[in-house]
PDB file of all heavy atoms in Angstrom:
ATOM      1  N   ARG A   1       1.368  -5.124   9.188  1.00  0.00           N
ATOM      2  CA  ARG A   1       0.919  -6.483   9.494  1.00  0.00           C
ATOM      3  C   ARG A   1      -0.139  -7.018   8.538  1.00  0.00           C
ATOM      4  O   ARG A   1      -0.421  -8.217   8.534  1.00  0.00           O
ATOM      5  CB  ARG A   1       0.393  -6.544  10.930  1.00  0.00           C
ATOM      6  CG  ARG A   1       1.494  -6.354  11.959  1.00  0.00           C
ATOM      7  CD  ARG A   1       0.994  -6.476  13.378  1.00  0.00           C
ATOM      8  NE  ARG A   1       2.110  -6.494  14.310  1.00  0.00           N
ATOM      9  CZ  ARG A   1       2.729  -7.589  14.713  1.00  0.00           C
ATOM     10  NH1 ARG A   1       2.319  -8.773  14.283  1.00  0.00           N
ATOM     11  NH2 ARG A   1       3.743  -7.517  15.554  1.00  0.00           N
ATOM     12  N   GLY A   2      -0.747  -6.167   7.736  1.00  0.00           N
ATOM     13  CA  GLY A   2      -1.785  -6.615   6.820  1.00  0.00           C
ATOM     14  C   GLY A   2      -1.647  -5.937   5.475  1.00  0.00           C
ATOM     15  O   GLY A   2      -1.237  -4.777   5.388  1.00  0.00           O
ATOM     16  N   VAL A   3      -2.012  -6.662   4.399  1.00  0.00           N
ATOM     17  CA  VAL A   3      -1.881  -6.107   3.056  1.00  0.00           C
ATOM     18  C   VAL A   3      -2.966  -6.680   2.161  1.00  0.00           C
ATOM     19  O   VAL A   3      -3.346  -7.846   2.279  1.00  0.00           O
ATOM     20  CB  VAL A   3      -0.470  -6.402   2.483  1.00  0.00           C
ATOM     21  CG1 VAL A   3      -0.224  -7.893   2.343  1.00  0.00           C
ATOM     22  CG2 VAL A   3      -0.254  -5.700   1.159  1.00  0.00           C
ATOM     23  N   CYS A   4      -3.485  -5.831   1.263  1.00  0.00           N
ATOM     24  CA  CYS A   4      -4.435  -6.248   0.237  1.00  0.00           C
ATOM     25  C   CYS A   4      -4.127  -5.487  -1.046  1.00  0.00           C
ATOM     26  O   CYS A   4      -3.616  -4.358  -0.998  1.00  0.00           O
ATOM     27  CB  CYS A   4      -5.872  -5.957   0.670  1.00  0.00           C
ATOM     28  SG  CYS A   4      -6.684  -7.306   1.524  1.00  0.00           S
ATOM     29  N   ALA A   5      -4.477  -6.099  -2.182  1.00  0.00           N
ATOM     30  CA  ALA A   5      -4.238  -5.471  -3.476  1.00  0.00           C
ATOM     31  C   ALA A   5      -5.558  -5.053  -4.109  1.00  0.00           C
ATOM     32  O   ALA A   5      -6.519  -5.824  -4.141  1.00  0.00           O
ATOM     33  CB  ALA A   5      -3.497  -6.436  -4.403  1.00  0.00           C
ATOM     34  N   LEU A   6      -5.599  -3.812  -4.602  1.00  0.00           N
ATOM     35  CA  LEU A   6      -6.746  -3.277  -5.321  1.00  0.00           C
ATOM     36  C   LEU A   6      -6.231  -2.695  -6.621  1.00  0.00           C
ATOM     37  O   LEU A   6      -5.855  -1.536  -6.695  1.00  0.00           O
ATOM     38  CB  LEU A   6      -7.453  -2.211  -4.473  1.00  0.00           C
ATOM     39  CG  LEU A   6      -8.676  -1.539  -5.081  1.00  0.00           C
ATOM     40  CD1 LEU A   6      -9.791  -2.555  -5.305  1.00  0.00           C
ATOM     41  CD2 LEU A   6      -9.167  -0.409  -4.186  1.00  0.00           C
ATOM     42  N   GLY A   7      -6.176  -3.538  -7.656  1.00  0.00           N
ATOM     43  CA  GLY A   7      -5.563  -3.101  -8.901  1.00  0.00           C
ATOM     44  C   GLY A   7      -4.100  -2.784  -8.678  1.00  0.00           C
ATOM     45  O   GLY A   7      -3.345  -3.608  -8.167  1.00  0.00           O
ATOM     46  N   ARG A   8      -3.713  -1.570  -9.025  1.00  0.00           N
ATOM     47  CA  ARG A   8      -2.322  -1.149  -8.828  1.00  0.00           C
ATOM     48  C   ARG A   8      -2.139  -0.337  -7.548  1.00  0.00           C
ATOM     49  O   ARG A   8      -1.137   0.365  -7.380  1.00  0.00           O
ATOM     50  CB  ARG A   8      -1.837  -0.357 -10.044  1.00  0.00           C
ATOM     51  CG  ARG A   8      -1.847  -1.189 -11.325  1.00  0.00           C
ATOM     52  CD  ARG A   8      -1.124  -0.501 -12.460  1.00  0.00           C
ATOM     53  NE  ARG A   8      -1.214  -1.268 -13.688  1.00  0.00           N
ATOM     54  CZ  ARG A   8      -0.455  -2.296 -13.996  1.00  0.00           C
ATOM     55  NH1 ARG A   8       0.479  -2.690 -13.147  1.00  0.00           N
ATOM     56  NH2 ARG A   8      -0.600  -2.949 -15.144  1.00  0.00           N
ATOM     57  N   THR A   9      -3.118  -0.439  -6.667  1.00  0.00           N
ATOM     58  CA  THR A   9      -3.022   0.201  -5.355  1.00  0.00           C
ATOM     59  C   THR A   9      -2.974  -0.873  -4.277  1.00  0.00           C
ATOM     60  O   THR A   9      -3.753  -1.821  -4.311  1.00  0.00           O
ATOM     61  CB  THR A   9      -4.225   1.128  -5.095  1.00  0.00           C
ATOM     62  OG1 THR A   9      -4.265   2.137  -6.116  1.00  0.00           O
ATOM     63  CG2 THR A   9      -4.123   1.788  -3.730  1.00  0.00           C
ATOM     64  N   ILE A  10      -2.052  -0.718  -3.353  1.00  0.00           N
ATOM     65  CA  ILE A  10      -1.909  -1.650  -2.234  1.00  0.00           C
ATOM     66  C   ILE A  10      -2.389  -0.970  -0.959  1.00  0.00           C
ATOM     67  O   ILE A  10      -2.025   0.175  -0.680  1.00  0.00           O
ATOM     68  CB  ILE A  10      -0.434  -2.086  -2.076  1.00  0.00           C
ATOM     69  CG1 ILE A  10       0.033  -2.825  -3.333  1.00  0.00           C
ATOM     70  CG2 ILE A  10      -0.256  -2.955  -0.840  1.00  0.00           C
ATOM     71  CD1 ILE A  10      -0.744  -4.084  -3.649  1.00  0.00           C
ATOM     72  N   LEU A  11      -3.209  -1.685  -0.204  1.00  0.00           N
ATOM     73  CA  LEU A  11      -3.622  -1.216   1.115  1.00  0.00           C
ATOM     74  C   LEU A  11      -2.732  -1.903   2.141  1.00  0.00           C
ATOM     75  O   LEU A  11      -2.643  -3.132   2.182  1.00  0.00           O
ATOM     76  CB  LEU A  11      -5.081  -1.552   1.398  1.00  0.00           C
ATOM     77  CG  LEU A  11      -6.140  -0.607   0.809  1.00  0.00           C
ATOM     78  CD1 LEU A  11      -6.174  -0.704  -0.708  1.00  0.00           C
ATOM     79  CD2 LEU A  11      -7.506  -0.912   1.395  1.00  0.00           C
ATOM     80  N   LEU A  12      -2.069  -1.111   2.958  1.00  0.00           N
ATOM     81  CA  LEU A  12      -1.131  -1.607   3.954  1.00  0.00           C
ATOM     82  C   LEU A  12      -1.549  -1.098   5.328  1.00  0.00           C
ATOM     83  O   LEU A  12      -1.775   0.091   5.509  1.00  0.00           O
ATOM     84  CB  LEU A  12       0.278  -1.120   3.623  1.00  0.00           C
ATOM     85  CG  LEU A  12       1.436  -1.653   4.474  1.00  0.00           C
ATOM     86  CD1 LEU A  12       1.692  -3.127   4.173  1.00  0.00           C
ATOM     87  CD2 LEU A  12       2.699  -0.836   4.231  1.00  0.00           C
ATOM     88  N   THR A  13      -1.666  -2.020   6.300  1.00  0.00           N
ATOM     89  CA  THR A  13      -1.993  -1.570   7.654  1.00  0.00           C
ATOM     90  C   THR A  13      -0.724  -1.147   8.376  1.00  0.00           C
ATOM     91  O   THR A  13       0.332  -1.750   8.223  1.00  0.00           O
ATOM     92  CB  THR A  13      -2.693  -2.672   8.464  1.00  0.00           C
ATOM     93  OG1 THR A  13      -1.811  -3.781   8.665  1.00  0.00           O
ATOM     94  CG2 THR A  13      -3.965  -3.143   7.768  1.00  0.00           C
ATOM     95  N   ASP A  14      -0.869  -0.105   9.165  1.00  0.00           N
ATOM     96  CA  ASP A  14       0.211   0.446   9.977  1.00  0.00           C
ATOM     97  C   ASP A  14      -0.324   0.529  11.405  1.00  0.00           C
ATOM     98  O   ASP A  14      -1.277   1.269  11.669  1.00  0.00           O
ATOM     99  CB  ASP A  14       0.589   1.829   9.445  1.00  0.00           C
ATOM    100  CG  ASP A  14       1.725   2.497  10.205  1.00  0.00           C
ATOM    101  OD1 ASP A  14       1.967   2.135  11.377  1.00  0.00           O
ATOM    102  OD2 ASP A  14       2.366   3.406   9.639  1.00  0.00           O
ATOM    103  N   THR A  15       0.260  -0.218  12.328  1.00  0.00           N
ATOM    104  CA  THR A  15      -0.308  -0.321  13.666  1.00  0.00           C
ATOM    105  C   THR A  15      -0.347   1.007  14.408  1.00  0.00           C
ATOM    106  O   THR A  15      -1.157   1.188  15.316  1.00  0.00           O
ATOM    107  CB  THR A  15       0.463  -1.347  14.526  1.00  0.00           C
ATOM    108  OG1 THR A  15       1.854  -1.000  14.539  1.00  0.00           O
ATOM    109  CG2 THR A  15       0.282  -2.752  13.986  1.00  0.00           C
ATOM    110  N   ASP A  16       0.503   1.946  14.055  1.00  0.00           N
ATOM    111  CA  ASP A  16       0.511   3.243  14.726  1.00  0.00           C
ATOM    112  C   ASP A  16      -0.311   4.294  13.996  1.00  0.00           C
ATOM    113  O   ASP A  16      -0.432   5.427  14.468  1.00  0.00           O
ATOM    114  CB  ASP A  16       1.938   3.770  14.861  1.00  0.00           C
ATOM    115  CG  ASP A  16       2.724   3.072  15.954  1.00  0.00           C
ATOM    116  OD1 ASP A  16       2.124   2.246  16.669  1.00  0.00           O
ATOM    117  OD2 ASP A  16       3.929   3.330  16.079  1.00  0.00           O
ATOM    118  N   PHE A  17      -0.865   3.920  12.840  1.00  0.00           N
ATOM    119  CA  PHE A  17      -1.455   4.965  12.007  1.00  0.00           C
ATOM    120  C   PHE A  17      -2.826   4.588  11.453  1.00  0.00           C
ATOM    121  O   PHE A  17      -3.757   5.368  11.488  1.00  0.00           O
ATOM    122  CB  PHE A  17      -0.500   5.294  10.858  1.00  0.00           C
ATOM    123  CG  PHE A  17      -0.866   6.531  10.103  1.00  0.00           C
ATOM    124  CD1 PHE A  17      -0.496   7.772  10.583  1.00  0.00           C
ATOM    125  CD2 PHE A  17      -1.584   6.455   8.924  1.00  0.00           C
ATOM    126  CE1 PHE A  17      -0.849   8.923   9.899  1.00  0.00           C
ATOM    127  CE2 PHE A  17      -1.944   7.594   8.234  1.00  0.00           C
ATOM    128  CZ  PHE A  17      -1.566   8.839   8.715  1.00  0.00           C
ATOM    129  N   GLY A  18      -2.959   3.401  10.886  1.00  0.00           N
ATOM    130  CA  GLY A  18      -4.202   3.005  10.239  1.00  0.00           C
ATOM    131  C   GLY A  18      -3.941   2.364   8.893  1.00  0.00           C
ATOM    132  O   GLY A  18      -3.208   1.378   8.796  1.00  0.00           O
ATOM    133  N   LEU A  19      -4.517   2.938   7.847  1.00  0.00           N
ATOM    134  CA  LEU A  19      -4.358   2.414   6.488  1.00  0.00           C
ATOM    135  C   LEU A  19      -3.495   3.342   5.658  1.00  0.00           C
ATOM    136  O   LEU A  19      -3.658   4.564   5.697  1.00  0.00           O
ATOM    137  CB  LEU A  19      -5.722   2.292   5.799  1.00  0.00           C
ATOM    138  CG  LEU A  19      -6.565   1.057   6.041  1.00  0.00           C
ATOM    139  CD1 LEU A  19      -7.857   1.165   5.224  1.00  0.00           C
ATOM    140  CD2 LEU A  19      -5.829  -0.212   5.679  1.00  0.00           C
ATOM    141  N   ARG A  20      -2.585   2.733   4.891  1.00  0.00           N
ATOM    142  CA  ARG A  20      -1.809   3.479   3.909  1.00  0.00           C
ATOM    143  C   ARG A  20      -2.111   2.920   2.528  1.00  0.00           C
ATOM    144  O   ARG A  20      -2.198   1.694   2.350  1.00  0.00           O
ATOM    145  CB  ARG A  20      -0.309   3.394   4.215  1.00  0.00           C
ATOM    146  CG  ARG A  20       0.065   4.038   5.546  1.00  0.00           C
ATOM    147  CD  ARG A  20       1.560   4.068   5.766  1.00  0.00           C
ATOM    148  NE  ARG A  20       1.908   4.638   7.057  1.00  0.00           N
ATOM    149  CZ  ARG A  20       2.055   5.939   7.301  1.00  0.00           C
ATOM    150  NH1 ARG A  20       1.891   6.802   6.314  1.00  0.00           N
ATOM    151  NH2 ARG A  20       2.372   6.372   8.506  1.00  0.00           N
ATOM    152  N   PHE A  21      -2.267   3.816   1.553  1.00  0.00           N
ATOM    153  CA  PHE A  21      -2.561   3.433   0.179  1.00  0.00           C
ATOM    154  C   PHE A  21      -1.307   3.672  -0.659  1.00  0.00           C
ATOM    155  O   PHE A  21      -0.834   4.810  -0.761  1.00  0.00           O
ATOM    156  CB  PHE A  21      -3.734   4.245  -0.368  1.00  0.00           C
ATOM    157  CG  PHE A  21      -5.028   3.977   0.344  1.00  0.00           C
ATOM    158  CD1 PHE A  21      -5.311   4.594   1.557  1.00  0.00           C
ATOM    159  CD2 PHE A  21      -5.960   3.097  -0.181  1.00  0.00           C
ATOM    160  CE1 PHE A  21      -6.493   4.345   2.222  1.00  0.00           C
ATOM    161  CE2 PHE A  21      -7.152   2.836   0.474  1.00  0.00           C
ATOM    162  CZ  PHE A  21      -7.421   3.464   1.682  1.00  0.00           C
ATOM    163  N   ILE A  22      -0.781   2.595  -1.249  1.00  0.00           N
ATOM    164  CA  ILE A  22       0.502   2.649  -1.950  1.00  0.00           C
ATOM    165  C   ILE A  22       0.282   2.368  -3.435  1.00  0.00           C
ATOM    166  O   ILE A  22      -0.272   1.320  -3.805  1.00  0.00           O
ATOM    167  CB  ILE A  22       1.492   1.608  -1.379  1.00  0.00           C
ATOM    168  CG1 ILE A  22       1.511   1.649   0.170  1.00  0.00           C
ATOM    169  CG2 ILE A  22       2.880   1.844  -1.965  1.00  0.00           C
ATOM    170  CD1 ILE A  22       1.943   2.934   0.754  1.00  0.00           C
ATOM    171  N   ASP A  23       0.704   3.302  -4.276  1.00  0.00           N
ATOM    172  CA  ASP A  23       0.642   3.112  -5.726  1.00  0.00           C
ATOM    173  C   ASP A  23       1.840   2.268  -6.152  1.00  0.00           C
ATOM    174  O   ASP A  23       2.996   2.647  -5.920  1.00  0.00           O
ATOM    175  CB  ASP A  23       0.678   4.475  -6.420  1.00  0.00           C
ATOM    176  CG  ASP A  23       0.551   4.370  -7.933  1.00  0.00           C
ATOM    177  OD1 ASP A  23       0.623   3.249  -8.478  1.00  0.00           O
ATOM    178  OD2 ASP A  23       0.392   5.422  -8.581  1.00  0.00           O
ATOM    179  N   VAL A  24       1.569   1.109  -6.783  1.00  0.00           N
ATOM    180  CA  VAL A  24       2.652   0.216  -7.217  1.00  0.00           C
ATOM    181  C   VAL A  24       2.673   0.094  -8.733  1.00  0.00           C
ATOM    182  O   VAL A  24       3.092  -0.918  -9.283  1.00  0.00           O
ATOM    183  CB  VAL A  24       2.529  -1.177  -6.556  1.00  0.00           C
ATOM    184  CG1 VAL A  24       2.803  -1.088  -5.068  1.00  0.00           C
ATOM    185  CG2 VAL A  24       1.160  -1.805  -6.822  1.00  0.00           C
ATOM    186  N   THR A  25       2.224   1.148  -9.428  1.00  0.00           N
ATOM    187  CA  THR A  25       2.304   1.148 -10.892  1.00  0.00           C
ATOM    188  C   THR A  25       3.735   0.872 -11.342  1.00  0.00           C
ATOM    189  O   THR A  25       3.973   0.114 -12.283  1.00  0.00           O
ATOM    190  CB  THR A  25       1.826   2.498 -11.447  1.00  0.00           C
ATOM    191  OG1 THR A  25       0.471   2.728 -11.025  1.00  0.00           O
ATOM    192  CG2 THR A  25       1.884   2.496 -12.969  1.00  0.00           C
ATOM    193  N   ASP A  26       4.678   1.498 -10.655  1.00  0.00           N
ATOM    194  CA  ASP A  26       6.094   1.161 -10.820  1.00  0.00           C
ATOM    195  C   ASP A  26       6.522   0.394  -9.576  1.00  0.00           C
ATOM    196  O   ASP A  26       6.780   1.002  -8.532  1.00  0.00           O
ATOM    197  CB  ASP A  26       6.937   2.424 -10.981  1.00  0.00           C
ATOM    198  CG  ASP A  26       8.419   2.123 -11.155  1.00  0.00           C
ATOM    199  OD1 ASP A  26       8.793   0.929 -11.117  1.00  0.00           O
ATOM    200  OD2 ASP A  26       9.195   3.078 -11.301  1.00  0.00           O
ATOM    201  N   PRO A  27       6.595  -0.942  -9.647  1.00  0.00           N
ATOM    202  CA  PRO A  27       6.904  -1.717  -8.443  1.00  0.00           C
ATOM    203  C   PRO A  27       8.295  -1.452  -7.877  1.00  0.00           C
ATOM    204  O   PRO A  27       8.554  -1.779  -6.714  1.00  0.00           O
ATOM    205  CB  PRO A  27       6.766  -3.168  -8.916  1.00  0.00           C
ATOM    206  CG  PRO A  27       6.960  -3.114 -10.396  1.00  0.00           C
ATOM    207  CD  PRO A  27       6.407  -1.785 -10.826  1.00  0.00           C
ATOM    208  N   GLU A  28       9.165  -0.858  -8.672  1.00  0.00           N
ATOM    209  CA  GLU A  28      10.496  -0.535  -8.163  1.00  0.00           C
ATOM    210  C   GLU A  28      10.505   0.778  -7.386  1.00  0.00           C
ATOM    211  O   GLU A  28      11.475   1.075  -6.690  1.00  0.00           O
ATOM    212  CB  GLU A  28      11.487  -0.463  -9.328  1.00  0.00           C
ATOM    213  CG  GLU A  28      11.668  -1.796 -10.055  1.00  0.00           C
ATOM    214  CD  GLU A  28      12.708  -1.712 -11.147  1.00  0.00           C
ATOM    215  OE1 GLU A  28      13.397  -0.661 -11.250  1.00  0.00           O
ATOM    216  OE2 GLU A  28      12.843  -2.688 -11.906  1.00  0.00           O
ATOM    217  N   ALA A  29       9.423   1.551  -7.506  1.00  0.00           N
ATOM    218  CA  ALA A  29       9.361   2.841  -6.813  1.00  0.00           C
ATOM    219  C   ALA A  29       7.935   3.074  -6.302  1.00  0.00           C
ATOM    220  O   ALA A  29       7.251   4.000  -6.749  1.00  0.00           O
ATOM    221  CB  ALA A  29       9.791   3.970  -7.745  1.00  0.00           C
ATOM    222  N   PRO A  30       7.463   2.258  -5.363  1.00  0.00           N
ATOM    223  CA  PRO A  30       6.112   2.447  -4.829  1.00  0.00           C
ATOM    224  C   PRO A  30       6.001   3.782  -4.097  1.00  0.00           C
ATOM    225  O   PRO A  30       6.967   4.247  -3.482  1.00  0.00           O
ATOM    226  CB  PRO A  30       5.945   1.258  -3.878  1.00  0.00           C
ATOM    227  CG  PRO A  30       7.334   0.852  -3.517  1.00  0.00           C
ATOM    228  CD  PRO A  30       8.179   1.139  -4.715  1.00  0.00           C
ATOM    229  N   ALA A  31       4.812   4.402  -4.192  1.00  0.00           N
ATOM    230  CA  ALA A  31       4.620   5.728  -3.593  1.00  0.00           C
ATOM    231  C   ALA A  31       3.273   5.792  -2.879  1.00  0.00           C
ATOM    232  O   ALA A  31       2.267   5.305  -3.393  1.00  0.00           O
ATOM    233  CB  ALA A  31       4.693   6.810  -4.667  1.00  0.00           C
ATOM    234  N   GLU A  32       3.265   6.412  -1.693  1.00  0.00           N
ATOM    235  CA  GLU A  32       2.013   6.579  -0.959  1.00  0.00           C
ATOM    236  C   GLU A  32       1.164   7.646  -1.625  1.00  0.00           C
ATOM    237  O   GLU A  32       1.640   8.728  -1.939  1.00  0.00           O
ATOM    238  CB  GLU A  32       2.293   6.944   0.494  1.00  0.00           C
ATOM    239  CG  GLU A  32       1.024   7.058   1.329  1.00  0.00           C
ATOM    240  CD  GLU A  32       1.290   7.182   2.820  1.00  0.00           C
ATOM    241  OE1 GLU A  32       2.208   6.476   3.312  1.00  0.00           O
ATOM    242  OE2 GLU A  32       0.593   7.955   3.479  1.00  0.00           O
TER     243      GLU A  32
END
């Protein structure tokens, strides 16, 4: 439900978990 960008890292909220940090250096293959 929520997202923010920190350089090439994306912070994504997960209602069942908390925060996930996603590396989007390769936007076609994002990785936690």
